[in-house]
Amino acid sequence: METIYKLTLADAKRIAHAAEMEAKMNNWEVVIAIVDHGGHLIYLQRDNAQLGSIDVAIGKAKTALLFRCPTKALEKMVVG
C-alpha cells in the first residue's frame, strides 16, 4: 500500500518559493500551481505571466500528479 503525503499550505509555500527562485534565476515569467494529493489546487502564484498560463499551470500540476512524473518527461516521450 502506498503512503500518501498530504501537503500543508506551509509545504506548498516552501515549494513555491524554490520554484520562484529558479524562475528568477532564469528570467522566466511563470505561474506556479501546487496541487494536493487529490489534484486540488492548494497554492497559486502569478507574477507578470500571461493570464492564459494560469489554467496551463494548474493542468500541468494535475498531470504531473496523475502520471507521477514531471511533465517534461511526458513531453520527451511524445516528441521522441
PDB file of N, CA and C in Angstrom:
ATOM      1  N   MET A   1       0.831  -1.179   0.000  1.00  0.00           N
ATOM      2  CA  MET A   1       0.000   0.000   0.000  1.00  0.00           C
ATOM      3  C   MET A   1       0.880   1.248   0.000  1.00  0.00           C
ATOM      4  N   GLU A   2       0.485   2.187  -0.748  1.00  0.00           N
ATOM      5  CA  GLU A   2       1.247   3.419  -0.933  1.00  0.00           C
ATOM      6  C   GLU A   2       0.936   4.429   0.171  1.00  0.00           C
ATOM      7  N   THR A   3       1.963   5.073   0.678  1.00  0.00           N
ATOM      8  CA  THR A   3       1.778   6.125   1.670  1.00  0.00           C
ATOM      9  C   THR A   3       1.490   7.429   0.948  1.00  0.00           C
ATOM     10  N   ILE A   4       0.456   8.107   1.374  1.00  0.00           N
ATOM     11  CA  ILE A   4       0.096   9.389   0.773  1.00  0.00           C
ATOM     12  C   ILE A   4       0.552  10.499   1.703  1.00  0.00           C
ATOM     13  N   TYR A   5       1.393  11.366   1.175  1.00  0.00           N
ATOM     14  CA  TYR A   5       1.847  12.522   1.944  1.00  0.00           C
ATOM     15  C   TYR A   5       0.929  13.684   1.628  1.00  0.00           C
ATOM     16  N   LYS A   6       0.348  14.267   2.634  1.00  0.00           N
ATOM     17  CA  LYS A   6      -0.564  15.391   2.445  1.00  0.00           C
ATOM     18  C   LYS A   6       0.181  16.695   2.665  1.00  0.00           C
ATOM     19  N   LEU A   7       0.231  17.496   1.616  1.00  0.00           N
ATOM     20  CA  LEU A   7       0.907  18.786   1.701  1.00  0.00           C
ATOM     21  C   LEU A   7       0.116  19.762   2.546  1.00  0.00           C
ATOM     22  N   THR A   8       0.816  20.508   3.353  1.00  0.00           N
ATOM     23  CA  THR A   8       0.199  21.609   4.073  1.00  0.00           C
ATOM     24  C   THR A   8       0.402  22.881   3.256  1.00  0.00           C
ATOM     25  N   LEU A   9      -0.287  23.919   3.643  1.00  0.00           N
ATOM     26  CA  LEU A   9      -0.086  25.200   2.973  1.00  0.00           C
ATOM     27  C   LEU A   9       1.351  25.669   3.169  1.00  0.00           C
ATOM     28  N   ALA A  10       1.916  25.433   4.336  1.00  0.00           N
ATOM     29  CA  ALA A  10       3.311  25.806   4.588  1.00  0.00           C
ATOM     30  C   ALA A  10       4.247  25.051   3.644  1.00  0.00           C
ATOM     31  N   ASP A  11       3.977  23.751   3.419  1.00  0.00           N
ATOM     32  CA  ASP A  11       4.773  22.970   2.467  1.00  0.00           C
ATOM     33  C   ASP A  11       4.678  23.587   1.075  1.00  0.00           C
ATOM     34  N   ALA A  12       3.464  23.903   0.674  1.00  0.00           N
ATOM     35  CA  ALA A  12       3.235  24.467  -0.662  1.00  0.00           C
ATOM     36  C   ALA A  12       3.976  25.789  -0.831  1.00  0.00           C
ATOM     37  N   LYS A  13       3.986  26.597   0.200  1.00  0.00           N
ATOM     38  CA  LYS A  13       4.689  27.883   0.125  1.00  0.00           C
ATOM     39  C   LYS A  13       6.200  27.689  -0.009  1.00  0.00           C
ATOM     40  N   ARG A  14       6.743  26.688   0.695  1.00  0.00           N
ATOM     41  CA  ARG A  14       8.187  26.405   0.561  1.00  0.00           C
ATOM     42  C   ARG A  14       8.510  25.912  -0.849  1.00  0.00           C
ATOM     43  N   ILE A  15       7.685  25.057  -1.384  1.00  0.00           N
ATOM     44  CA  ILE A  15       7.887  24.552  -2.743  1.00  0.00           C
ATOM     45  C   ILE A  15       7.794  25.705  -3.745  1.00  0.00           C
ATOM     46  N   ALA A  16       6.793  26.550  -3.574  1.00  0.00           N
ATOM     47  CA  ALA A  16       6.611  27.688  -4.472  1.00  0.00           C
ATOM     48  C   ALA A  16       7.801  28.645  -4.401  1.00  0.00           C
ATOM     49  N   HIS A  17       8.326  28.847  -3.218  1.00  0.00           N
ATOM     50  CA  HIS A  17       9.490  29.728  -3.069  1.00  0.00           C
ATOM     51  C   HIS A  17      10.681  29.187  -3.866  1.00  0.00           C
ATOM     52  N   ALA A  18      10.917  27.886  -3.778  1.00  0.00           N
ATOM     53  CA  ALA A  18      12.019  27.285  -4.540  1.00  0.00           C
ATOM     54  C   ALA A  18      11.778  27.447  -6.040  1.00  0.00           C
ATOM     55  N   ALA A  19      10.544  27.239  -6.476  1.00  0.00           N
ATOM     56  CA  ALA A  19      10.212  27.400  -7.900  1.00  0.00           C
ATOM     57  C   ALA A  19      10.373  28.853  -8.331  1.00  0.00           C
ATOM     58  N   GLU A  20       9.977  29.768  -7.463  1.00  0.00           N
ATOM     59  CA  GLU A  20      10.118  31.193  -7.766  1.00  0.00           C
ATOM     60  C   GLU A  20      11.589  31.590  -7.909  1.00  0.00           C
ATOM     61  N   MET A  21      12.442  31.077  -7.048  1.00  0.00           N
ATOM     62  CA  MET A  21      13.873  31.385  -7.131  1.00  0.00           C
ATOM     63  C   MET A  21      14.465  30.862  -8.441  1.00  0.00           C
ATOM     64  N   GLU A  22      14.069  29.650  -8.838  1.00  0.00           N
ATOM     65  CA  GLU A  22      14.529  29.085 -10.114  1.00  0.00           C
ATOM     66  C   GLU A  22      14.064  29.952 -11.288  1.00  0.00           C
ATOM     67  N   ALA A  23      12.814  30.374 -11.240  1.00  0.00           N
ATOM     68  CA  ALA A  23      12.278  31.220 -12.308  1.00  0.00           C
ATOM     69  C   ALA A  23      13.024  32.547 -12.386  1.00  0.00           C
ATOM     70  N   LYS A  24      13.297  33.143 -11.238  1.00  0.00           N
ATOM     71  CA  LYS A  24      14.012  34.422 -11.227  1.00  0.00           C
ATOM     72  C   LYS A  24      15.435  34.279 -11.772  1.00  0.00           C
ATOM     73  N   MET A  25      16.105  33.174 -11.419  1.00  0.00           N
ATOM     74  CA  MET A  25      17.473  32.952 -11.918  1.00  0.00           C
ATOM     75  C   MET A  25      17.494  32.826 -13.441  1.00  0.00           C
ATOM     76  N   ASN A  26      16.390  32.329 -14.015  1.00  0.00           N
ATOM     77  CA  ASN A  26      16.319  32.119 -15.455  1.00  0.00           C
ATOM     78  C   ASN A  26      15.514  33.198 -16.184  1.00  0.00           C
ATOM     79  N   ASN A  27      15.112  34.232 -15.447  1.00  0.00           N
ATOM     80  CA  ASN A  27      14.303  35.319 -16.027  1.00  0.00           C
ATOM     81  C   ASN A  27      13.027  34.800 -16.694  1.00  0.00           C
ATOM     82  N   TRP A  28      12.375  33.843 -16.046  1.00  0.00           N
ATOM     83  CA  TRP A  28      11.114  33.293 -16.546  1.00  0.00           C
ATOM     84  C   TRP A  28       9.951  33.973 -15.844  1.00  0.00           C
ATOM     85  N   GLU A  29       8.942  34.333 -16.605  1.00  0.00           N
ATOM     86  CA  GLU A  29       7.684  34.798 -16.018  1.00  0.00           C
ATOM     87  C   GLU A  29       6.781  33.580 -15.960  1.00  0.00           C
ATOM     88  N   VAL A  30       6.446  33.143 -14.772  1.00  0.00           N
ATOM     89  CA  VAL A  30       5.730  31.879 -14.622  1.00  0.00           C
ATOM     90  C   VAL A  30       4.517  32.010 -13.704  1.00  0.00           C
ATOM     91  N   VAL A  31       3.666  31.006 -13.828  1.00  0.00           N
ATOM     92  CA  VAL A  31       2.603  30.785 -12.860  1.00  0.00           C
ATOM     93  C   VAL A  31       2.989  29.508 -12.125  1.00  0.00           C
ATOM     94  N   ILE A  32       2.954  29.549 -10.814  1.00  0.00           N
ATOM     95  CA  ILE A  32       3.304  28.391 -10.004  1.00  0.00           C
ATOM     96  C   ILE A  32       2.015  27.847  -9.407  1.00  0.00           C
ATOM     97  N   ALA A  33       1.686  26.606  -9.753  1.00  0.00           N
ATOM     98  CA  ALA A  33       0.475  25.959  -9.248  1.00  0.00           C
ATOM     99  C   ALA A  33       0.881  24.697  -8.497  1.00  0.00           C
ATOM    100  N   ILE A  34       0.365  24.556  -7.297  1.00  0.00           N
ATOM    101  CA  ILE A  34       0.659  23.372  -6.493  1.00  0.00           C
ATOM    102  C   ILE A  34      -0.662  22.736  -6.096  1.00  0.00           C
ATOM    103  N   VAL A  35      -0.773  21.434  -6.376  1.00  0.00           N
ATOM    104  CA  VAL A  35      -1.994  20.704  -6.057  1.00  0.00           C
ATOM    105  C   VAL A  35      -1.725  19.695  -4.942  1.00  0.00           C
ATOM    106  N   ASP A  36      -2.790  19.304  -4.260  1.00  0.00           N
ATOM    107  CA  ASP A  36      -2.659  18.307  -3.195  1.00  0.00           C
ATOM    108  C   ASP A  36      -2.710  16.899  -3.779  1.00  0.00           C
ATOM    109  N   HIS A  37      -2.721  15.900  -2.930  1.00  0.00           N
ATOM    110  CA  HIS A  37      -2.682  14.508  -3.379  1.00  0.00           C
ATOM    111  C   HIS A  37      -3.920  14.105  -4.180  1.00  0.00           C
ATOM    112  N   GLY A  38      -4.970  14.901  -4.137  1.00  0.00           N
ATOM    113  CA  GLY A  38      -6.176  14.621  -4.918  1.00  0.00           C
ATOM    114  C   GLY A  38      -6.273  15.453  -6.180  1.00  0.00           C
ATOM    115  N   GLY A  39      -5.258  16.271  -6.435  1.00  0.00           N
ATOM    116  CA  GLY A  39      -5.253  17.108  -7.632  1.00  0.00           C
ATOM    117  C   GLY A  39      -5.970  18.442  -7.453  1.00  0.00           C
ATOM    118  N   HIS A  40      -6.274  18.790  -6.209  1.00  0.00           N
ATOM    119  CA  HIS A  40      -6.960  20.052  -5.933  1.00  0.00           C
ATOM    120  C   HIS A  40      -5.939  21.153  -5.658  1.00  0.00           C
ATOM    121  N   LEU A  41      -6.188  22.285  -6.241  1.00  0.00           N
ATOM    122  CA  LEU A  41      -5.277  23.413  -6.108  1.00  0.00           C
ATOM    123  C   LEU A  41      -5.193  23.866  -4.651  1.00  0.00           C
ATOM    124  N   ILE A  42      -3.967  23.964  -4.137  1.00  0.00           N
ATOM    125  CA  ILE A  42      -3.800  24.498  -2.784  1.00  0.00           C
ATOM    126  C   ILE A  42      -2.970  25.782  -2.780  1.00  0.00           C
ATOM    127  N   TYR A  43      -2.261  26.044  -3.886  1.00  0.00           N
ATOM    128  CA  TYR A  43      -1.450  27.264  -3.935  1.00  0.00           C
ATOM    129  C   TYR A  43      -1.280  27.689  -5.390  1.00  0.00           C
ATOM    130  N   LEU A  44      -1.449  28.979  -5.634  1.00  0.00           N
ATOM    131  CA  LEU A  44      -1.240  29.528  -6.969  1.00  0.00           C
ATOM    132  C   LEU A  44      -0.543  30.864  -6.822  1.00  0.00           C
ATOM    133  N   GLN A  45       0.475  31.058  -7.640  1.00  0.00           N
ATOM    134  CA  GLN A  45       1.224  32.319  -7.620  1.00  0.00           C
ATOM    135  C   GLN A  45       1.462  32.748  -9.055  1.00  0.00           C
ATOM    136  N   ARG A  46       1.114  33.991  -9.355  1.00  0.00           N
ATOM    137  CA  ARG A  46       1.338  34.535 -10.693  1.00  0.00           C
ATOM    138  C   ARG A  46       1.935  35.920 -10.547  1.00  0.00           C
ATOM    139  N   ASP A  47       3.039  36.138 -11.222  1.00  0.00           N
ATOM    140  CA  ASP A  47       3.669  37.450 -11.189  1.00  0.00           C
ATOM    141  C   ASP A  47       4.094  37.816 -12.598  1.00  0.00           C
ATOM    142  N   ASN A  48       3.271  38.593 -13.256  1.00  0.00           N
ATOM    143  CA  ASN A  48       3.617  39.123 -14.576  1.00  0.00           C
ATOM    144  C   ASN A  48       3.528  38.118 -15.710  1.00  0.00           C
ATOM    145  N   ALA A  49       3.056  36.914 -15.472  1.00  0.00           N
ATOM    146  CA  ALA A  49       2.898  35.924 -16.542  1.00  0.00           C
ATOM    147  C   ALA A  49       1.529  36.139 -17.207  1.00  0.00           C
ATOM    148  N   GLN A  50       1.391  35.604 -18.402  1.00  0.00           N
ATOM    149  CA  GLN A  50       0.140  35.730 -19.149  1.00  0.00           C
ATOM    150  C   GLN A  50      -1.015  35.089 -18.390  1.00  0.00           C
ATOM    151  N   LEU A  51      -2.195  35.651 -18.539  1.00  0.00           N
ATOM    152  CA  LEU A  51      -3.378  35.095 -17.884  1.00  0.00           C
ATOM    153  C   LEU A  51      -3.653  33.665 -18.335  1.00  0.00           C
ATOM    154  N   GLY A  52      -3.397  33.370 -19.592  1.00  0.00           N
ATOM    155  CA  GLY A  52      -3.619  32.021 -20.106  1.00  0.00           C
ATOM    156  C   GLY A  52      -2.748  30.976 -19.435  1.00  0.00           C
ATOM    157  N   SER A  53      -1.669  31.419 -18.845  1.00  0.00           N
ATOM    158  CA  SER A  53      -0.755  30.481 -18.190  1.00  0.00           C
ATOM    159  C   SER A  53      -1.320  29.917 -16.890  1.00  0.00           C
ATOM    160  N   ILE A  54      -2.340  30.556 -16.335  1.00  0.00           N
ATOM    161  CA  ILE A  54      -2.922  30.070 -15.085  1.00  0.00           C
ATOM    162  C   ILE A  54      -3.506  28.676 -15.264  1.00  0.00           C
ATOM    163  N   ASP A  55      -4.398  28.519 -16.237  1.00  0.00           N
ATOM    164  CA  ASP A  55      -5.016  27.208 -16.471  1.00  0.00           C
ATOM    165  C   ASP A  55      -3.994  26.175 -16.916  1.00  0.00           C
ATOM    166  N   VAL A  56      -3.008  26.610 -17.691  1.00  0.00           N
ATOM    167  CA  VAL A  56      -1.949  25.697 -18.132  1.00  0.00           C
ATOM    168  C   VAL A  56      -1.166  25.175 -16.936  1.00  0.00           C
ATOM    169  N   ALA A  57      -0.807  26.067 -16.012  1.00  0.00           N
ATOM    170  CA  ALA A  57      -0.031  25.668 -14.832  1.00  0.00           C
ATOM    171  C   ALA A  57      -0.815  24.684 -13.966  1.00  0.00           C
ATOM    172  N   ILE A  58      -2.088  24.946 -13.772  1.00  0.00           N
ATOM    173  CA  ILE A  58      -2.915  24.040 -12.978  1.00  0.00           C
ATOM    174  C   ILE A  58      -3.016  22.681 -13.671  1.00  0.00           C
ATOM    175  N   GLY A  59      -3.212  22.691 -14.976  1.00  0.00           N
ATOM    176  CA  GLY A  59      -3.282  21.438 -15.735  1.00  0.00           C
ATOM    177  C   GLY A  59      -1.978  20.655 -15.670  1.00  0.00           C
ATOM    178  N   LYS A  60      -0.858  21.361 -15.759  1.00  0.00           N
ATOM    179  CA  LYS A  60       0.442  20.685 -15.665  1.00  0.00           C
ATOM    180  C   LYS A  60       0.650  20.068 -14.288  1.00  0.00           C
ATOM    181  N   ALA A  61       0.247  20.788 -13.246  1.00  0.00           N
ATOM    182  CA  ALA A  61       0.395  20.253 -11.890  1.00  0.00           C
ATOM    183  C   ALA A  61      -0.428  18.981 -11.717  1.00  0.00           C
ATOM    184  N   LYS A  62      -1.663  18.991 -12.218  1.00  0.00           N
ATOM    185  CA  LYS A  62      -2.521  17.797 -12.125  1.00  0.00           C
ATOM    186  C   LYS A  62      -1.963  16.650 -12.952  1.00  0.00           C
ATOM    187  N   THR A  63      -1.458  16.956 -14.137  1.00  0.00           N
ATOM    188  CA  THR A  63      -0.886  15.926 -14.999  1.00  0.00           C
ATOM    189  C   THR A  63       0.329  15.281 -14.350  1.00  0.00           C
ATOM    190  N   ALA A  64       1.200  16.081 -13.783  1.00  0.00           N
ATOM    191  CA  ALA A  64       2.388  15.543 -13.101  1.00  0.00           C
ATOM    192  C   ALA A  64       1.976  14.618 -11.962  1.00  0.00           C
ATOM    193  N   LEU A  65       0.948  15.006 -11.240  1.00  0.00           N
ATOM    194  CA  LEU A  65       0.454  14.171 -10.143  1.00  0.00           C
ATOM    195  C   LEU A  65      -0.107  12.849 -10.664  1.00  0.00           C
ATOM    196  N   LEU A  66      -0.985  12.918 -11.639  1.00  0.00           N
ATOM    197  CA  LEU A  66      -1.660  11.720 -12.133  1.00  0.00           C
ATOM    198  C   LEU A  66      -0.722  10.733 -12.822  1.00  0.00           C
ATOM    199  N   PHE A  67       0.273  11.253 -13.534  1.00  0.00           N
ATOM    200  CA  PHE A  67       1.228  10.380 -14.211  1.00  0.00           C
ATOM    201  C   PHE A  67       2.461  10.092 -13.352  1.00  0.00           C
ATOM    202  N   ARG A  68       2.545  10.766 -12.213  1.00  0.00           N
ATOM    203  CA  ARG A  68       3.643  10.580 -11.257  1.00  0.00           C
ATOM    204  C   ARG A  68       5.015  10.814 -11.870  1.00  0.00           C
ATOM    205  N   CYS A  69       5.071  11.855 -12.667  1.00  0.00           N
ATOM    206  CA  CYS A  69       6.353  12.244 -13.253  1.00  0.00           C
ATOM    207  C   CYS A  69       6.255  13.695 -13.717  1.00  0.00           C
ATOM    208  N   PRO A  70       7.377  14.355 -13.857  1.00  0.00           N
ATOM    209  CA  PRO A  70       7.359  15.737 -14.355  1.00  0.00           C
ATOM    210  C   PRO A  70       6.783  15.793 -15.759  1.00  0.00           C
ATOM    211  N   THR A  71       6.086  16.857 -16.079  1.00  0.00           N
ATOM    212  CA  THR A  71       5.510  16.968 -17.412  1.00  0.00           C
ATOM    213  C   THR A  71       6.596  17.023 -18.484  1.00  0.00           C
ATOM    214  N   LYS A  72       7.796  17.433 -18.130  1.00  0.00           N
ATOM    215  CA  LYS A  72       8.914  17.436 -19.088  1.00  0.00           C
ATOM    216  C   LYS A  72       9.204  16.006 -19.556  1.00  0.00           C
ATOM    217  N   ALA A  73       9.082  15.030 -18.661  1.00  0.00           N
ATOM    218  CA  ALA A  73       9.310  13.630 -19.042  1.00  0.00           C
ATOM    219  C   ALA A  73       8.243  13.164 -20.029  1.00  0.00           C
ATOM    220  N   LEU A  74       7.005  13.617 -19.838  1.00  0.00           N
ATOM    221  CA  LEU A  74       5.938  13.261 -20.776  1.00  0.00           C
ATOM    222  C   LEU A  74       6.184  13.905 -22.138  1.00  0.00           C
ATOM    223  N   GLU A  75       6.660  15.135 -22.113  1.00  0.00           N
ATOM    224  CA  GLU A  75       6.962  15.836 -23.371  1.00  0.00           C
ATOM    225  C   GLU A  75       8.028  15.068 -24.151  1.00  0.00           C
ATOM    226  N   LYS A  76       9.060  14.594 -23.458  1.00  0.00           N
ATOM    227  CA  LYS A  76      10.122  13.843 -24.130  1.00  0.00           C
ATOM    228  C   LYS A  76       9.573  12.563 -24.761  1.00  0.00           C
ATOM    229  N   MET A  77       8.640  11.889 -24.083  1.00  0.00           N
ATOM    230  CA  MET A  77       8.039  10.671 -24.649  1.00  0.00           C
ATOM    231  C   MET A  77       7.231  10.987 -25.908  1.00  0.00           C
ATOM    232  N   VAL A  78       6.505  12.090 -25.873  1.00  0.00           N
ATOM    233  CA  VAL A  78       5.665  12.456 -27.024  1.00  0.00           C
ATOM    234  C   VAL A  78       6.529  12.878 -28.205  1.00  0.00           C
ATOM    235  N   VAL A  79       7.526  13.711 -27.949  1.00  0.00           N
ATOM    236  CA  VAL A  79       8.396  14.214 -29.008  1.00  0.00           C
ATOM    237  C   VAL A  79       9.281  13.100 -29.564  1.00  0.00           C
ATOM    238  N   GLY A  80       9.769  12.243 -28.648  1.00  0.00           N
ATOM    239  CA  GLY A  80      10.687  11.172 -29.042  1.00  0.00           C
ATOM    240  C   GLY A  80       9.968  10.098 -29.765  1.00  0.00           C
TER     241      GLY A  80
END
